[in-house]
Every structure is written in C-alpha cells, then in structure tokens.
PDB file of N, CA and C in Angstrom:
ATOM      1  N   MET A   1      10.997  -6.656  73.527  1.00  0.00           N
ATOM      2  CA  MET A   1      11.826  -5.798  75.068  1.00  0.00           C
ATOM      3  C   MET A   1      13.044  -5.357  74.527  1.00  0.00           C
ATOM      4  N   ASN A   2      12.959  -3.964  74.620  1.00  0.00           N
ATOM      5  CA  ASN A   2      14.343  -3.495  74.558  1.00  0.00           C
ATOM      6  C   ASN A   2      15.079  -3.753  76.058  1.00  0.00           C
ATOM      7  N   ILE A   3      16.462  -3.561  75.519  1.00  0.00           N
ATOM      8  CA  ILE A   3      17.241  -3.759  77.386  1.00  0.00           C
ATOM      9  C   ILE A   3      18.103  -2.881  77.117  1.00  0.00           C
ATOM     10  N   LEU A   4      18.664  -2.032  77.863  1.00  0.00           N
ATOM     11  CA  LEU A   4      19.896  -0.969  77.275  1.00  0.00           C
ATOM     12  C   LEU A   4      20.970  -1.592  78.118  1.00  0.00           C
ATOM     13  N   VAL A   5      22.259  -2.633  77.942  1.00  0.00           N
ATOM     14  CA  VAL A   5      23.035  -2.879  78.823  1.00  0.00           C
ATOM     15  C   VAL A   5      24.497  -2.227  78.952  1.00  0.00           C
ATOM     16  N   ASN A   6      25.080  -2.020  79.977  1.00  0.00           N
ATOM     17  CA  ASN A   6      26.298  -1.141  80.770  1.00  0.00           C
ATOM     18  C   ASN A   6      27.098  -1.778  80.965  1.00  0.00           C
ATOM     19  N   HIS A   7      28.579  -1.656  80.168  1.00  0.00           N
ATOM     20  CA  HIS A   7      29.518  -3.287  80.661  1.00  0.00           C
ATOM     21  C   HIS A   7      30.274  -2.355  81.498  1.00  0.00           C
ATOM     22  N   HIS A   8      30.981  -2.655  82.590  1.00  0.00           N
ATOM     23  CA  HIS A   8      31.829  -1.982  83.113  1.00  0.00           C
ATOM     24  C   HIS A   8      33.038  -3.151  83.221  1.00  0.00           C
ATOM     25  N   ILE A   9      34.231  -2.759  82.123  1.00  0.00           N
ATOM     26  CA  ILE A   9      34.766  -3.922  82.226  1.00  0.00           C
ATOM     27  C   ILE A   9      36.384  -3.975  82.749  1.00  0.00           C
ATOM     28  N   SER A  10      36.493  -4.928  83.179  1.00  0.00           N
ATOM     29  CA  SER A  10      37.529  -5.403  84.668  1.00  0.00           C
ATOM     30  C   SER A  10      38.425  -6.217  83.450  1.00  0.00           C
ATOM     31  N   ASP A  11      38.802  -6.619  82.614  1.00  0.00           N
ATOM     32  CA  ASP A  11      39.741  -7.483  81.779  1.00  0.00           C
ATOM     33  C   ASP A  11      39.178  -6.743  80.038  1.00  0.00           C
ATOM     34  N   PRO A  12      39.891  -6.036  80.099  1.00  0.00           N
ATOM     35  CA  PRO A  12      39.589  -5.690  78.304  1.00  0.00           C
ATOM     36  C   PRO A  12      39.934  -6.791  77.326  1.00  0.00           C
ATOM     37  N   ASP A  13      41.520  -7.123  77.581  1.00  0.00           N
ATOM     38  CA  ASP A  13      41.533  -8.103  76.831  1.00  0.00           C
ATOM     39  C   ASP A  13      40.744  -9.367  77.225  1.00  0.00           C
ATOM     40  N   ALA A  14      39.929  -9.923  78.157  1.00  0.00           N
ATOM     41  CA  ALA A  14      39.013 -10.980  77.667  1.00  0.00           C
ATOM     42  C   ALA A  14      38.099 -10.753  77.595  1.00  0.00           C
ATOM     43  N   TYR A  15      37.650  -9.585  78.127  1.00  0.00           N
ATOM     44  CA  TYR A  15      36.149  -8.675  77.278  1.00  0.00           C
ATOM     45  C   TYR A  15      35.825  -8.558  75.783  1.00  0.00           C
ATOM     46  N   TRP A  16      37.295  -7.711  74.967  1.00  0.00           N
ATOM     47  CA  TRP A  16      37.537  -7.881  73.389  1.00  0.00           C
ATOM     48  C   TRP A  16      37.447  -8.731  72.837  1.00  0.00           C
ATOM     49  N   GLY A  17      38.164  -9.575  73.274  1.00  0.00           N
ATOM     50  CA  GLY A  17      38.654 -11.409  72.684  1.00  0.00           C
ATOM     51  C   GLY A  17      37.295 -11.914  72.883  1.00  0.00           C
ATOM     52  N   ALA A  18      36.523 -11.681  73.465  1.00  0.00           N
ATOM     53  CA  ALA A  18      35.216 -12.851  73.969  1.00  0.00           C
ATOM     54  C   ALA A  18      34.438 -12.115  72.391  1.00  0.00           C
ATOM     55  N   LEU A  19      33.932 -10.934  72.157  1.00  0.00           N
ATOM     56  CA  LEU A  19      33.324 -10.397  71.060  1.00  0.00           C
ATOM     57  C   LEU A  19      34.136 -10.426  69.630  1.00  0.00           C
ATOM     58  N   GLY A  20      35.146 -10.367  70.284  1.00  0.00           N
ATOM     59  CA  GLY A  20      36.117 -10.669  68.810  1.00  0.00           C
ATOM     60  C   GLY A  20      35.707 -12.250  68.302  1.00  0.00           C
ATOM     61  N   ALA A  21      35.526 -12.994  68.984  1.00  0.00           N
ATOM     62  CA  ALA A  21      35.335 -14.698  68.625  1.00  0.00           C
ATOM     63  C   ALA A  21      33.691 -14.569  68.204  1.00  0.00           C
ATOM     64  N   ASN A  22      33.454 -13.206  67.685  1.00  0.00           N
ATOM     65  CA  ASN A  22      32.007 -13.661  67.378  1.00  0.00           C
ATOM     66  C   ASN A  22      30.664 -14.392  67.922  1.00  0.00           C
ATOM     67  N   PRO A  23      30.464 -14.587  69.360  1.00  0.00           N
ATOM     68  CA  PRO A  23      29.537 -15.609  69.297  1.00  0.00           C
ATOM     69  C   PRO A  23      27.985 -15.720  69.174  1.00  0.00           C
ATOM     70  N   PRO A  24      27.952 -16.928  69.242  1.00  0.00           N
ATOM     71  CA  PRO A  24      26.219 -16.475  68.265  1.00  0.00           C
ATOM     72  C   PRO A  24      25.099 -16.170  69.452  1.00  0.00           C
ATOM     73  N   VAL A  25      24.640 -15.624  68.369  1.00  0.00           N
ATOM     74  CA  VAL A  25      23.443 -15.068  68.751  1.00  0.00           C
ATOM     75  C   VAL A  25      22.247 -15.639  68.910  1.00  0.00           C
ATOM     76  N   PRO A  26      21.355 -16.421  70.603  1.00  0.00           N
ATOM     77  CA  PRO A  26      20.196 -17.251  70.053  1.00  0.00           C
ATOM     78  C   PRO A  26      18.834 -16.694  69.301  1.00  0.00           C
ATOM     79  N   GLU A  27      18.357 -17.411  68.804  1.00  0.00           N
ATOM     80  CA  GLU A  27      17.498 -16.996  68.230  1.00  0.00           C
ATOM     81  C   GLU A  27      16.673 -16.201  69.097  1.00  0.00           C
ATOM     82  N   GLY A  28      15.444 -14.897  68.826  1.00  0.00           N
ATOM     83  CA  GLY A  28      14.680 -14.418  69.962  1.00  0.00           C
ATOM     84  C   GLY A  28      16.097 -13.062  70.229  1.00  0.00           C
ATOM     85  N   PHE A  29      16.734 -12.774  69.945  1.00  0.00           N
ATOM     86  CA  PHE A  29      17.734 -11.851  70.639  1.00  0.00           C
ATOM     87  C   PHE A  29      18.421 -11.402  69.652  1.00  0.00           C
ATOM     88  N   LYS A  30      18.695  -9.721  70.025  1.00  0.00           N
ATOM     89  CA  LYS A  30      19.282  -9.491  68.448  1.00  0.00           C
ATOM     90  C   LYS A  30      19.757  -7.955  69.599  1.00  0.00           C
ATOM     91  N   VAL A  31      21.375  -7.668  68.683  1.00  0.00           N
ATOM     92  CA  VAL A  31      21.525  -6.536  68.923  1.00  0.00           C
ATOM     93  C   VAL A  31      21.681  -5.943  68.330  1.00  0.00           C
ATOM     94  N   VAL A  32      20.751  -4.575  69.086  1.00  0.00           N
ATOM     95  CA  VAL A  32      19.827  -3.651  68.132  1.00  0.00           C
ATOM     96  C   VAL A  32      21.010  -2.734  67.558  1.00  0.00           C
ATOM     97  N   THR A  33      22.191  -2.374  68.980  1.00  0.00           N
ATOM     98  CA  THR A  33      23.161  -1.553  68.383  1.00  0.00           C
ATOM     99  C   THR A  33      24.784  -1.390  69.303  1.00  0.00           C
ATOM    100  N   PHE A  34      25.620  -2.269  69.435  1.00  0.00           N
ATOM    101  CA  PHE A  34      26.552  -1.626  70.180  1.00  0.00           C
ATOM    102  C   PHE A  34      27.740  -0.495  69.861  1.00  0.00           C
ATOM    103  N   MET A  35      27.233   0.072  70.899  1.00  0.00           N
ATOM    104  CA  MET A  35      28.367   0.984  71.832  1.00  0.00           C
ATOM    105  C   MET A  35      29.983   1.380  72.084  1.00  0.00           C
ATOM    106  N   ALA A  36      31.076   1.076  71.462  1.00  0.00           N
ATOM    107  CA  ALA A  36      32.738   1.246  71.899  1.00  0.00           C
ATOM    108  C   ALA A  36      32.692   2.525  72.661  1.00  0.00           C
ATOM    109  N   GLY A  37      32.944   2.575  73.837  1.00  0.00           N
ATOM    110  CA  GLY A  37      33.256   4.182  74.621  1.00  0.00           C
ATOM    111  C   GLY A  37      34.873   4.216  74.055  1.00  0.00           C
ATOM    112  N   THR A  38      35.266   5.021  74.321  1.00  0.00           N
ATOM    113  CA  THR A  38      36.683   5.788  74.307  1.00  0.00           C
ATOM    114  C   THR A  38      38.077   5.038  75.008  1.00  0.00           C
ATOM    115  N   ASP A  39      37.293   4.678  76.285  1.00  0.00           N
ATOM    116  CA  ASP A  39      38.147   4.168  77.037  1.00  0.00           C
ATOM    117  C   ASP A  39      37.071   2.544  77.312  1.00  0.00           C
ATOM    118  N   PRO A  40      38.677   1.912  77.006  1.00  0.00           N
ATOM    119  CA  PRO A  40      38.360   0.114  76.545  1.00  0.00           C
ATOM    120  C   PRO A  40      37.551  -0.448  77.614  1.00  0.00           C
ATOM    121  N   ALA A  41      37.416  -0.358  78.872  1.00  0.00           N
ATOM    122  CA  ALA A  41      36.959  -0.305  79.816  1.00  0.00           C
ATOM    123  C   ALA A  41      35.285   0.022  80.037  1.00  0.00           C
ATOM    124  N   SER A  42      34.783   0.642  79.358  1.00  0.00           N
ATOM    125  CA  SER A  42      33.552   0.854  78.613  1.00  0.00           C
ATOM    126  C   SER A  42      33.166   0.417  77.524  1.00  0.00           C
ATOM    127  N   SER A  43      31.748  -0.007  77.994  1.00  0.00           N
ATOM    128  CA  SER A  43      30.971  -0.259  76.478  1.00  0.00           C
ATOM    129  C   SER A  43      29.169  -0.565  76.800  1.00  0.00           C
ATOM    130  N   ALA A  44      28.294  -0.479  75.743  1.00  0.00           N
ATOM    131  CA  ALA A  44      26.956  -0.435  76.264  1.00  0.00           C
ATOM    132  C   ALA A  44      26.224  -1.032  74.519  1.00  0.00           C
ATOM    133  N   CYS A  45      25.075  -1.526  75.033  1.00  0.00           N
ATOM    134  CA  CYS A  45      24.485  -2.525  73.658  1.00  0.00           C
ATOM    135  C   CYS A  45      23.242  -2.314  74.064  1.00  0.00           C
ATOM    136  N   LEU A  46      22.588  -1.826  73.405  1.00  0.00           N
ATOM    137  CA  LEU A  46      21.092  -2.119  72.466  1.00  0.00           C
ATOM    138  C   LEU A  46      20.301  -3.354  72.677  1.00  0.00           C
ATOM    139  N   TRP A  47      19.590  -3.854  73.172  1.00  0.00           N
ATOM    140  CA  TRP A  47      19.060  -5.305  72.469  1.00  0.00           C
ATOM    141  C   TRP A  47      17.933  -5.860  72.860  1.00  0.00           C
ATOM    142  N   SER A  48      17.575  -6.323  71.952  1.00  0.00           N
ATOM    143  CA  SER A  48      15.920  -6.908  71.201  1.00  0.00           C
ATOM    144  C   SER A  48      15.810  -8.398  72.222  1.00  0.00           C
ATOM    145  N   ALA A  49      14.969  -8.412  73.077  1.00  0.00           N
ATOM    146  CA  ALA A  49      15.224  -9.593  74.097  1.00  0.00           C
ATOM    147  C   ALA A  49      14.680  -9.938  74.992  1.00  0.00           C
ATOM    148  N   PRO A  50      14.006 -11.476  74.731  1.00  0.00           N
ATOM    149  CA  PRO A  50      12.862 -11.921  75.413  1.00  0.00           C
ATOM    150  C   PRO A  50      12.034 -11.335  76.821  1.00  0.00           C
ATOM    151  N   ASP A  51      13.121 -11.332  77.696  1.00  0.00           N
ATOM    152  CA  ASP A  51      13.058 -10.679  79.008  1.00  0.00           C
ATOM    153  C   ASP A  51      14.432 -10.332  79.588  1.00  0.00           C
ATOM    154  N   VAL A  52      14.655  -9.602  80.697  1.00  0.00           N
ATOM    155  CA  VAL A  52      15.796  -9.592  82.037  1.00  0.00           C
ATOM    156  C   VAL A  52      16.803 -10.625  81.994  1.00  0.00           C
ATOM    157  N   GLU A  53      15.869 -11.153  82.756  1.00  0.00           N
ATOM    158  CA  GLU A  53      16.734 -12.480  82.826  1.00  0.00           C
ATOM    159  C   GLU A  53      17.295 -13.485  81.918  1.00  0.00           C
ATOM    160  N   SER A  54      17.123 -13.571  81.171  1.00  0.00           N
ATOM    161  CA  SER A  54      17.320 -14.332  79.447  1.00  0.00           C
ATOM    162  C   SER A  54      18.297 -13.693  78.705  1.00  0.00           C
ATOM    163  N   LEU A  55      18.670 -11.944  79.124  1.00  0.00           N
ATOM    164  CA  LEU A  55      19.639 -11.446  78.494  1.00  0.00           C
ATOM    165  C   LEU A  55      20.934 -11.891  79.215  1.00  0.00           C
ATOM    166  N   LYS A  56      20.419 -11.387  81.013  1.00  0.00           N
ATOM    167  CA  LYS A  56      21.441 -11.383  81.949  1.00  0.00           C
ATOM    168  C   LYS A  56      21.865 -13.006  81.657  1.00  0.00           C
ATOM    169  N   ALA A  57      21.466 -13.970  81.611  1.00  0.00           N
ATOM    170  CA  ALA A  57      22.057 -14.848  81.578  1.00  0.00           C
ATOM    171  C   ALA A  57      23.235 -15.417  80.180  1.00  0.00           C
ATOM    172  N   LEU A  58      22.423 -14.729  79.230  1.00  0.00           N
ATOM    173  CA  LEU A  58      23.097 -14.833  77.549  1.00  0.00           C
ATOM    174  C   LEU A  58      24.672 -13.986  77.830  1.00  0.00           C
ATOM    175  N   VAL A  59      24.282 -12.518  78.634  1.00  0.00           N
ATOM    176  CA  VAL A  59      25.763 -11.777  78.869  1.00  0.00           C
ATOM    177  C   VAL A  59      26.431 -11.872  79.872  1.00  0.00           C
ATOM    178  N   ASP A  60      26.359 -12.949  80.413  1.00  0.00           N
ATOM    179  CA  ASP A  60      27.069 -13.291  81.957  1.00  0.00           C
ATOM    180  C   ASP A  60      27.791 -14.389  81.137  1.00  0.00           C
ATOM    181  N   LYS A  61      27.030 -15.532  80.275  1.00  0.00           N
ATOM    182  CA  LYS A  61      28.348 -16.560  79.486  1.00  0.00           C
ATOM    183  C   LYS A  61      28.876 -15.934  78.709  1.00  0.00           C
ATOM    184  N   THR A  62      28.744 -14.783  77.870  1.00  0.00           N
ATOM    185  CA  THR A  62      29.734 -14.150  77.474  1.00  0.00           C
ATOM    186  C   THR A  62      31.000 -12.946  77.520  1.00  0.00           C
ATOM    187  N   VAL A  63      30.511 -12.291  78.311  1.00  0.00           N
ATOM    188  CA  VAL A  63      31.851 -11.546  78.425  1.00  0.00           C
ATOM    189  C   VAL A  63      31.756 -11.642  80.360  1.00  0.00           C
ATOM    190  N   GLY A  64      30.671 -12.394  81.201  1.00  0.00           N
ATOM    191  CA  GLY A  64      30.514 -11.900  82.591  1.00  0.00           C
ATOM    192  C   GLY A  64      31.881 -12.143  83.236  1.00  0.00           C
ATOM    193  N   HIS A  65      32.864 -12.909  83.233  1.00  0.00           N
ATOM    194  CA  HIS A  65      34.151 -13.225  83.730  1.00  0.00           C
ATOM    195  C   HIS A  65      34.917 -11.571  83.743  1.00  0.00           C
ATOM    196  N   ALA A  66      34.544 -10.858  82.378  1.00  0.00           N
ATOM    197  CA  ALA A  66      35.537  -9.649  82.183  1.00  0.00           C
ATOM    198  C   ALA A  66      34.734  -8.591  82.553  1.00  0.00           C
ATOM    199  N   SER A  67      33.385  -8.385  82.849  1.00  0.00           N
ATOM    200  CA  SER A  67      32.598  -6.810  83.233  1.00  0.00           C
ATOM    201  C   SER A  67      31.777  -7.611  84.111  1.00  0.00           C
ATOM    202  N   SER A  68      31.218  -6.409  85.079  1.00  0.00           N
ATOM    203  CA  SER A  68      29.763  -6.215  85.487  1.00  0.00           C
ATOM    204  C   SER A  68      29.340  -5.363  84.540  1.00  0.00           C
ATOM    205  N   ASN A  69      27.621  -6.083  84.410  1.00  0.00           N
ATOM    206  CA  ASN A  69      26.705  -5.156  83.724  1.00  0.00           C
ATOM    207  C   ASN A  69      25.646  -5.012  84.781  1.00  0.00           C
ATOM    208  N   SER A  70      25.315  -3.898  84.050  1.00  0.00           N
ATOM    209  CA  SER A  70      23.980  -3.231  84.797  1.00  0.00           C
ATOM    210  C   SER A  70      22.939  -3.238  83.733  1.00  0.00           C
ATOM    211  N   TYR A  71      21.710  -3.181  83.762  1.00  0.00           N
ATOM    212  CA  TYR A  71      20.215  -3.686  83.038  1.00  0.00           C
ATOM    213  C   TYR A  71      19.682  -1.917  82.807  1.00  0.00           C
ATOM    214  N   MET A  72      19.196  -1.787  81.772  1.00  0.00           N
ATOM    215  CA  MET A  72      17.862  -1.624  81.589  1.00  0.00           C
ATOM    216  C   MET A  72      16.306  -1.572  81.126  1.00  0.00           C
ATOM    217  N   VAL A  73      15.300  -1.612  81.491  1.00  0.00           N
ATOM    218  CA  VAL A  73      13.857  -2.131  80.398  1.00  0.00           C
ATOM    219  C   VAL A  73      14.263  -0.478  79.849  1.00  0.00           C
ATOM    220  N   ILE A  74      14.020  -0.837  78.101  1.00  0.00           N
ATOM    221  CA  ILE A  74      13.134   0.734  77.705  1.00  0.00           C
ATOM    222  C   ILE A  74      12.016   0.912  77.994  1.00  0.00           C
ATOM    223  N   ASN A  75      11.561   2.169  78.246  1.00  0.00           N
ATOM    224  CA  ASN A  75      10.333   2.336  78.022  1.00  0.00           C
ATOM    225  C   ASN A  75       9.696   2.939  76.390  1.00  0.00           C
ATOM    226  N   ASP A  76       9.803   1.730  75.834  1.00  0.00           N
ATOM    227  CA  ASP A  76       9.839   2.136  74.516  1.00  0.00           C
ATOM    228  C   ASP A  76       8.358   3.043  73.957  1.00  0.00           C
ATOM    229  N   SER A  77       7.430   3.433  74.961  1.00  0.00           N
ATOM    230  CA  SER A  77       6.370   4.744  74.276  1.00  0.00           C
ATOM    231  C   SER A  77       7.149   5.884  74.942  1.00  0.00           C
ATOM    232  N   LYS A  78       8.228   6.104  75.855  1.00  0.00           N
ATOM    233  CA  LYS A  78       8.732   7.423  76.282  1.00  0.00           C
ATOM    234  C   LYS A  78       9.645   7.715  75.291  1.00  0.00           C
ATOM    235  N   SER A  79      10.468   6.817  74.764  1.00  0.00           N
ATOM    236  CA  SER A  79      11.401   6.742  74.021  1.00  0.00           C
ATOM    237  C   SER A  79      11.304   6.930  72.485  1.00  0.00           C
ATOM    238  N   PHE A  80      12.550   7.356  71.755  1.00  0.00           N
ATOM    239  CA  PHE A  80      12.490   7.909  70.043  1.00  0.00           C
ATOM    240  C   PHE A  80      13.888   7.340  69.808  1.00  0.00           C
ATOM    241  N   GLY A  81      14.118   6.908  68.795  1.00  0.00           N
ATOM    242  CA  GLY A  81      15.365   6.793  68.102  1.00  0.00           C
ATOM    243  C   GLY A  81      14.856   5.402  68.082  1.00  0.00           C
ATOM    244  N   LEU A  82      14.506   4.285  68.272  1.00  0.00           N
ATOM    245  CA  LEU A  82      14.589   3.042  68.377  1.00  0.00           C
ATOM    246  C   LEU A  82      13.887   2.289  66.507  1.00  0.00           C
TER     247      LEU A  82
END
C-alpha cells in the first residue's frame, strides 16, 4: 500500500541528523520518494508499506522525537504518477 507522510518538524537539527545517519529500512518497506521542503521544518515522503500502523511505528522510532507526522493512505486507483 502507498502511504504519504507529511512531517511537521519541530527540531530540524535532530530530524535531519536522524535521516543523515541513513537509518535502515526493514524488508517490506520502501521509500518511493522523499521531498524536502524549502523550509527546513517541513518534508514529505511517499512510502510503500504493509500498513499504516507499522509505518507509523517505523517513522516514530526514526524521527518521532523531532517531528509530528500525519499519514494518508493513497487511493492507487484514483492516483497517477505512482
């Protein structure tokens, strides 16, 4: 399933530092695309993941200390460019 995650970054140094450490992505998860905003306090990423709950756990473990995150499951049949 495709899931869009919007990151509202409260601690940019910690957030970008956590991503700069190149954290491992478990089997069954894939970052389809990562988009950094021009404002260092925002980013978004599109994931392929088994379900929202397991993706939330992964994202919270990695950057949850530095951002609040919102999740949207993508309706693949009504989307394009995926």
